[in-house]
Amino acid sequence: MRGMGNMGNMMQQMQKLQKDMEKTQKELEASVYRATDTNQLVTVKVNGKREILELTIDEALVDPDDIDMLQDLVIATINEALAQVDQATQDKMGRFTKGLNLPF
């Protein structure tokens, strides 16, 4: 019967881990990430759910004859903001799976 105490303790630890993971996931989803291109002409804000909250384009960038450059900058800046979400998620959620040999 000694093993039953360990099993109960392990279940409590797993429940605590699950609650901690849920709390961390909610914190990540509520977080806002901001990315700007190197010339600070395009700024994007996204949340942890990977939703775009705001997109700002400097007037100096709007050139009807060079729409391709504008599109490229917007895409690159959005991708940078989304990469920040991915990195924050990995940093915060990775601690829960550290040391576990989980298949991906």
C-alpha atoms as a PDB file:
ATOM      1  CA  MET A   1       0.000   0.000   0.000  1.00  0.00           C
ATOM      2  CA  ARG A   2       3.025   2.311   0.277  1.00  0.00           C
ATOM      3  CA  GLY A   3       2.908   2.899  -3.459  1.00  0.00           C
ATOM      4  CA  MET A   4      -0.590   4.391  -3.235  1.00  0.00           C
ATOM      5  CA  GLY A   5       0.711   7.384  -1.249  1.00  0.00           C
ATOM      6  CA  ASN A   6       3.259   8.106  -3.935  1.00  0.00           C
ATOM      7  CA  MET A   7       0.581   7.798  -6.608  1.00  0.00           C
ATOM      8  CA  GLY A   8      -1.643  10.302  -4.786  1.00  0.00           C
ATOM      9  CA  ASN A   9       1.270  12.695  -4.412  1.00  0.00           C
ATOM     10  CA  MET A  10       2.106  12.329  -8.083  1.00  0.00           C
ATOM     11  CA  MET A  11      -1.522  13.062  -9.038  1.00  0.00           C
ATOM     12  CA  GLN A  12      -1.472  16.236  -6.908  1.00  0.00           C
ATOM     13  CA  GLN A  13       1.739  17.336  -8.612  1.00  0.00           C
ATOM     14  CA  MET A  14       0.230  16.689 -12.046  1.00  0.00           C
ATOM     15  CA  GLN A  15      -2.893  18.698 -11.154  1.00  0.00           C
ATOM     16  CA  LYS A  16      -0.732  21.586  -9.943  1.00  0.00           C
ATOM     17  CA  LEU A  17       1.336  21.381 -13.127  1.00  0.00           C
ATOM     18  CA  GLN A  18      -1.830  21.475 -15.233  1.00  0.00           C
ATOM     19  CA  LYS A  19      -3.111  24.555 -13.365  1.00  0.00           C
ATOM     20  CA  ASP A  20       0.256  26.272 -13.751  1.00  0.00           C
ATOM     21  CA  MET A  21       0.286  25.502 -17.475  1.00  0.00           C
ATOM     22  CA  GLU A  22      -3.231  26.885 -17.922  1.00  0.00           C
ATOM     23  CA  LYS A  23      -2.316  30.050 -16.019  1.00  0.00           C
ATOM     24  CA  THR A  24       0.844  30.533 -18.101  1.00  0.00           C
ATOM     25  CA  GLN A  25      -1.081  29.944 -21.339  1.00  0.00           C
ATOM     26  CA  LYS A  26      -3.630  32.626 -20.359  1.00  0.00           C
ATOM     27  CA  GLU A  27      -0.806  35.044 -19.508  1.00  0.00           C
ATOM     28  CA  LEU A  28       0.791  34.400 -22.904  1.00  0.00           C
ATOM     29  CA  GLU A  29      -2.489  34.949 -24.728  1.00  0.00           C
ATOM     30  CA  ALA A  30      -3.023  38.261 -22.905  1.00  0.00           C
ATOM     31  CA  SER A  31       0.495  39.498 -23.685  1.00  0.00           C
ATOM     32  CA  VAL A  32       1.107  42.034 -26.457  1.00  0.00           C
ATOM     33  CA  TYR A  33       4.176  41.875 -28.696  1.00  0.00           C
ATOM     34  CA  ARG A  34       5.407  44.764 -30.813  1.00  0.00           C
ATOM     35  CA  ALA A  35       7.719  44.634 -33.814  1.00  0.00           C
ATOM     36  CA  THR A  36       9.073  47.475 -35.930  1.00  0.00           C
ATOM     37  CA  ASP A  37      11.186  47.382 -39.065  1.00  0.00           C
ATOM     38  CA  THR A  38      14.734  48.738 -38.841  1.00  0.00           C
ATOM     39  CA  ASN A  39      13.719  52.156 -40.209  1.00  0.00           C
ATOM     40  CA  GLN A  40      10.675  52.337 -37.907  1.00  0.00           C
ATOM     41  CA  LEU A  41       8.287  52.814 -40.810  1.00  0.00           C
ATOM     42  CA  VAL A  42       6.069  49.804 -40.083  1.00  0.00           C
ATOM     43  CA  THR A  43       4.940  48.785 -36.606  1.00  0.00           C
ATOM     44  CA  VAL A  44       2.830  45.748 -35.744  1.00  0.00           C
ATOM     45  CA  LYS A  45       1.288  44.723 -32.441  1.00  0.00           C
ATOM     46  CA  VAL A  46       0.027  41.167 -31.951  1.00  0.00           C
ATOM     47  CA  ASN A  47      -1.286  39.271 -28.978  1.00  0.00           C
ATOM     48  CA  GLY A  48      -0.280  35.849 -27.727  1.00  0.00           C
ATOM     49  CA  LYS A  49      -3.131  34.328 -29.714  1.00  0.00           C
ATOM     50  CA  ARG A  50      -1.259  35.452 -32.851  1.00  0.00           C
ATOM     51  CA  GLU A  51      -3.929  38.034 -33.695  1.00  0.00           C
ATOM     52  CA  ILE A  52      -2.895  41.371 -35.204  1.00  0.00           C
ATOM     53  CA  LEU A  53      -4.061  44.162 -32.906  1.00  0.00           C
ATOM     54  CA  GLU A  54      -2.557  47.159 -34.637  1.00  0.00           C
ATOM     55  CA  LEU A  55      -0.694  48.000 -37.824  1.00  0.00           C
ATOM     56  CA  THR A  56       0.926  51.401 -38.299  1.00  0.00           C
ATOM     57  CA  ILE A  57       2.538  52.510 -41.562  1.00  0.00           C
ATOM     58  CA  ASP A  58       4.467  55.774 -41.732  1.00  0.00           C
ATOM     59  CA  GLU A  59       3.163  58.086 -44.463  1.00  0.00           C
ATOM     60  CA  ALA A  60       6.678  58.438 -45.873  1.00  0.00           C
ATOM     61  CA  LEU A  61       6.568  54.781 -46.861  1.00  0.00           C
ATOM     62  CA  VAL A  62       3.469  55.030 -49.014  1.00  0.00           C
ATOM     63  CA  ASP A  63       4.627  55.290 -52.606  1.00  0.00           C
ATOM     64  CA  PRO A  64       2.033  54.178 -55.156  1.00  0.00           C
ATOM     65  CA  ASP A  65       4.830  53.320 -57.574  1.00  0.00           C
ATOM     66  CA  ASP A  66       6.521  50.929 -55.129  1.00  0.00           C
ATOM     67  CA  ILE A  67       3.714  48.969 -53.469  1.00  0.00           C
ATOM     68  CA  ASP A  68       5.875  45.817 -53.499  1.00  0.00           C
ATOM     69  CA  MET A  69       8.313  47.304 -50.985  1.00  0.00           C
ATOM     70  CA  LEU A  70       5.450  48.257 -48.665  1.00  0.00           C
ATOM     71  CA  GLN A  71       3.988  44.777 -48.844  1.00  0.00           C
ATOM     72  CA  ASP A  72       7.378  43.180 -48.147  1.00  0.00           C
ATOM     73  CA  LEU A  73       7.993  45.408 -45.120  1.00  0.00           C
ATOM     74  CA  VAL A  74       4.547  44.717 -43.701  1.00  0.00           C
ATOM     75  CA  ILE A  75       4.950  40.969 -44.116  1.00  0.00           C
ATOM     76  CA  ALA A  76       8.451  40.968 -42.606  1.00  0.00           C
ATOM     77  CA  THR A  77       7.335  43.051 -39.621  1.00  0.00           C
ATOM     78  CA  ILE A  78       4.289  40.872 -38.965  1.00  0.00           C
ATOM     79  CA  ASN A  79       6.465  37.766 -39.136  1.00  0.00           C
ATOM     80  CA  GLU A  80       8.866  39.295 -36.609  1.00  0.00           C
ATOM     81  CA  ALA A  81       6.003  40.005 -34.187  1.00  0.00           C
ATOM     82  CA  LEU A  82       4.711  36.447 -34.591  1.00  0.00           C
ATOM     83  CA  ALA A  83       8.224  35.090 -34.005  1.00  0.00           C
ATOM     84  CA  GLN A  84       8.226  36.980 -30.697  1.00  0.00           C
ATOM     85  CA  VAL A  85       5.003  35.191 -29.724  1.00  0.00           C
ATOM     86  CA  ASP A  86       6.531  31.835 -30.655  1.00  0.00           C
ATOM     87  CA  GLN A  87       9.693  32.537 -28.669  1.00  0.00           C
ATOM     88  CA  ALA A  88       7.777  33.702 -25.587  1.00  0.00           C
ATOM     89  CA  THR A  89       5.558  30.629 -25.780  1.00  0.00           C
ATOM     90  CA  GLN A  90       8.564  28.348 -26.068  1.00  0.00           C
ATOM     91  CA  ASP A  91      10.354  30.107 -23.201  1.00  0.00           C
ATOM     92  CA  LYS A  92       7.387  30.017 -20.839  1.00  0.00           C
ATOM     93  CA  MET A  93       5.743  26.733 -21.751  1.00  0.00           C
ATOM     94  CA  GLY A  94       8.978  24.842 -22.338  1.00  0.00           C
ATOM     95  CA  ARG A  95       9.679  24.733 -18.622  1.00  0.00           C
ATOM     96  CA  PHE A  96       6.704  22.413 -18.193  1.00  0.00           C
ATOM     97  CA  THR A  97       8.057  19.817 -20.585  1.00  0.00           C
ATOM     98  CA  LYS A  98      11.737  20.209 -19.723  1.00  0.00           C
ATOM     99  CA  GLY A  99      13.293  16.833 -19.141  1.00  0.00           C
ATOM    100  CA  LEU A 100      10.326  14.936 -20.570  1.00  0.00           C
ATOM    101  CA  ASN A 101      10.993  12.867 -23.642  1.00  0.00           C
ATOM    102  CA  LEU A 102       7.913  13.873 -25.611  1.00  0.00           C
ATOM    103  CA  PRO A 103       7.577  13.140 -29.312  1.00  0.00           C
ATOM    104  CA  PHE A 104       6.998  16.143 -31.576  1.00  0.00           C
END
